[in-house]
Amino acid sequence: MNAPHRTALLALCLATAVAAAACQKNETQSTTSGTDATTQAPQGVEVARIDLGKSIGNDNRVTEASDAFHPNETIYASIVTTGSAPSAELRTRFTFQDGQVVDESTRTIASSGGEAATEFHISKPDGFPVGKYRVEVFVNGTQAGTKEFEVRSS
């Protein structure tokens, strides 16, 4: 191998070693600063439970729990969340057994910690078809829970 090729090969090896060392240093710094940021940043909002019922109180919590409804009843969903965030998007999607979307609603919430309840509901003046339904809950676009329920004839 001639001198210019050896010099080029040596330079390439040296550049690769420097780049690898820099990447390791950045990974270490990212991990360290990520850990620091995690301990200082808010935990975020999580769904603790989904309560369904026939009525709801002033605190947005279900007062008459049920997973079976009559066609003309209003169906309430109280989404109980925990954690804290200055702003989070809470979305529900109610679907019929065939996958048809009955309703989709979004609320923006702010939580400083502890439990909080957010109310969603669906109603249909001419009555829901008898069958099985499901409510899916999403936090900031990520599915966070589901609950099934049924509409039965009177």
Protein backbone atom coordinates (compact mmCIF):
# COMPACT_ATOMS: atom_id res chain seq x y z
CA MET A 1 0.00 0.00 0.00
CA ASN A 2 1.45 3.38 -0.94
CA ALA A 3 1.84 6.33 1.43
CA PRO A 4 -1.19 8.39 0.19
CA HIS A 5 -3.52 5.40 0.64
CA ARG A 6 -2.16 4.69 4.14
CA THR A 7 -2.62 8.33 5.10
CA ALA A 8 -6.22 8.33 3.80
CA LEU A 9 -6.98 5.05 5.60
CA LEU A 10 -5.47 6.35 8.83
CA ALA A 11 -7.48 9.58 8.54
CA LEU A 12 -10.69 7.58 7.94
CA CYS A 13 -10.04 5.37 10.99
CA LEU A 14 -9.28 8.39 13.14
CA ALA A 15 -12.47 10.17 11.98
CA THR A 16 -14.54 7.04 12.71
CA ALA A 17 -13.06 6.77 16.22
CA VAL A 18 -13.75 10.45 16.95
CA ALA A 19 -17.34 10.14 15.66
CA ALA A 20 -17.95 7.01 17.75
CA ALA A 21 -16.60 8.72 20.87
CA ALA A 22 -18.79 11.76 20.22
CA CYS A 23 -21.88 9.56 19.79
CA GLN A 24 -21.17 7.77 23.07
CA LYS A 25 -20.73 11.10 24.83
CA ASN A 26 -24.03 12.42 23.38
CA GLU A 27 -25.86 9.23 24.41
CA THR A 28 -24.53 9.57 27.95
CA GLN A 29 -25.53 13.24 28.08
CA SER A 30 -28.98 12.48 26.63
CA THR A 31 -29.58 9.70 29.13
CA THR A 32 -28.44 11.86 32.02
CA SER A 33 -30.40 14.92 30.98
CA GLY A 34 -33.39 12.68 30.11
CA THR A 35 -33.35 11.32 33.63
CA ASP A 36 -33.12 14.82 35.09
CA ALA A 37 -35.93 16.05 32.85
CA THR A 38 -38.11 13.05 33.79
CA THR A 39 -37.81 13.75 37.50
CA GLN A 40 -38.59 17.43 36.98
CA ALA A 41 -41.26 17.14 34.27
CA PRO A 42 -44.93 16.42 35.00
CA GLN A 43 -45.95 12.77 34.90
CA GLY A 44 -48.76 13.34 32.42
CA VAL A 45 -52.37 12.29 32.55
CA GLU A 46 -53.45 8.65 32.70
CA VAL A 47 -56.90 7.07 32.70
CA ALA A 48 -57.53 5.42 36.07
CA ARG A 49 -60.98 4.09 35.16
CA ILE A 50 -64.01 4.50 32.94
CA ASP A 51 -67.34 4.58 34.76
CA LEU A 52 -70.63 4.26 32.86
CA GLY A 53 -74.04 5.10 34.19
CA LYS A 54 -77.51 6.55 33.84
CA SER A 55 -76.86 9.77 35.75
CA ILE A 56 -73.97 11.99 36.72
CA GLY A 57 -73.31 14.41 39.57
CA ASN A 58 -71.96 17.97 39.67
CA ASP A 59 -68.48 16.49 40.19
CA ASN A 60 -68.70 14.71 36.77
CA ARG A 61 -68.83 11.31 38.47
CA VAL A 62 -71.45 8.66 37.75
CA THR A 63 -74.13 8.54 40.44
CA GLU A 64 -76.09 5.56 39.05
CA ALA A 65 -73.63 3.05 37.60
CA SER A 66 -74.74 0.65 34.87
CA ASP A 67 -73.42 -1.22 31.87
CA ALA A 68 -76.91 -1.94 30.48
CA PHE A 69 -79.19 0.80 29.13
CA HIS A 70 -82.59 1.22 27.52
CA PRO A 71 -82.69 2.64 23.96
CA ASN A 72 -83.95 6.12 24.99
CA GLU A 73 -81.63 6.65 27.97
CA THR A 74 -78.70 9.01 28.04
CA ILE A 75 -75.48 7.06 28.51
CA TYR A 76 -72.91 8.84 30.66
CA ALA A 77 -69.19 8.09 30.76
CA SER A 78 -67.11 9.53 33.57
CA ILE A 79 -63.43 9.32 32.68
CA VAL A 80 -61.40 9.38 35.88
CA THR A 81 -57.82 10.48 35.33
CA THR A 82 -54.74 10.79 37.50
CA GLY A 83 -51.47 12.63 37.09
CA SER A 84 -50.71 16.17 36.12
CA ALA A 85 -50.28 18.15 32.93
CA PRO A 86 -50.93 21.77 32.05
CA SER A 87 -52.98 20.56 29.08
CA ALA A 88 -54.09 17.16 27.81
CA GLU A 89 -56.58 16.09 25.17
CA LEU A 90 -59.15 13.55 26.34
CA ARG A 91 -61.22 11.95 23.57
CA THR A 92 -63.97 9.34 23.58
CA ARG A 93 -65.25 7.25 20.71
CA PHE A 94 -68.53 5.38 21.16
CA THR A 95 -69.04 2.56 18.66
CA PHE A 96 -71.82 0.08 17.88
CA GLN A 97 -71.11 -3.66 17.65
CA ASP A 98 -70.58 -3.45 13.87
CA GLY A 99 -67.83 -0.84 14.31
CA GLN A 100 -70.01 2.13 13.31
CA VAL A 101 -69.00 5.27 15.19
CA VAL A 102 -71.96 6.57 17.21
CA ASP A 103 -70.18 9.62 18.65
CA GLU A 104 -66.72 11.05 19.05
CA SER A 105 -66.01 13.95 21.43
CA THR A 106 -62.91 15.74 22.67
CA ARG A 107 -62.23 17.80 25.79
CA THR A 108 -59.05 19.61 26.75
CA ILE A 109 -58.27 19.19 30.43
CA ALA A 110 -55.66 20.55 32.82
CA SER A 111 -54.72 18.60 35.90
CA SER A 112 -52.43 19.49 38.77
CA GLY A 113 -52.43 15.98 40.21
CA GLY A 114 -54.76 13.64 42.04
CA GLU A 115 -57.96 12.28 40.56
CA ALA A 116 -60.17 14.27 38.23
CA ALA A 117 -63.37 13.25 36.43
CA THR A 118 -64.44 14.39 32.97
CA GLU A 119 -67.96 13.75 31.69
CA PHE A 120 -68.98 12.56 28.23
CA HIS A 121 -72.42 11.37 27.19
CA ILE A 122 -74.45 10.15 24.25
CA SER A 123 -78.17 10.20 23.65
CA LYS A 124 -80.46 9.53 20.73
CA PRO A 125 -84.03 10.91 20.86
CA ASP A 126 -85.41 8.13 18.65
CA GLY A 127 -83.47 5.49 20.62
CA PHE A 128 -80.26 3.52 20.20
CA PRO A 129 -80.47 0.20 18.40
CA VAL A 130 -80.38 -2.81 20.72
CA GLY A 131 -76.96 -4.42 20.84
CA LYS A 132 -73.44 -4.22 22.20
CA TYR A 133 -71.46 -0.99 22.29
CA ARG A 134 -68.03 0.16 23.32
CA VAL A 135 -66.44 3.39 24.47
CA GLU A 136 -62.75 3.93 23.76
CA VAL A 137 -60.80 6.62 25.58
CA PHE A 138 -57.72 8.35 24.20
CA VAL A 139 -55.26 10.66 25.96
CA ASN A 140 -53.33 12.90 23.56
CA GLY A 141 -54.22 10.57 20.70
CA THR A 142 -53.08 7.35 22.41
CA GLN A 143 -55.66 4.75 23.39
CA ALA A 144 -55.87 4.65 27.17
CA GLY A 145 -58.80 2.32 27.87
CA THR A 146 -62.06 0.78 26.70
CA LYS A 147 -65.32 -0.26 28.30
CA GLU A 148 -68.15 -2.30 26.83
CA PHE A 149 -71.84 -1.84 27.50
CA GLU A 150 -75.18 -2.95 26.12
CA VAL A 151 -78.45 -1.41 25.02
CA ARG A 152 -81.39 -3.73 25.74
CA SER A 153 -85.02 -3.46 24.77
CA SER A 154 -87.31 -1.98 27.43
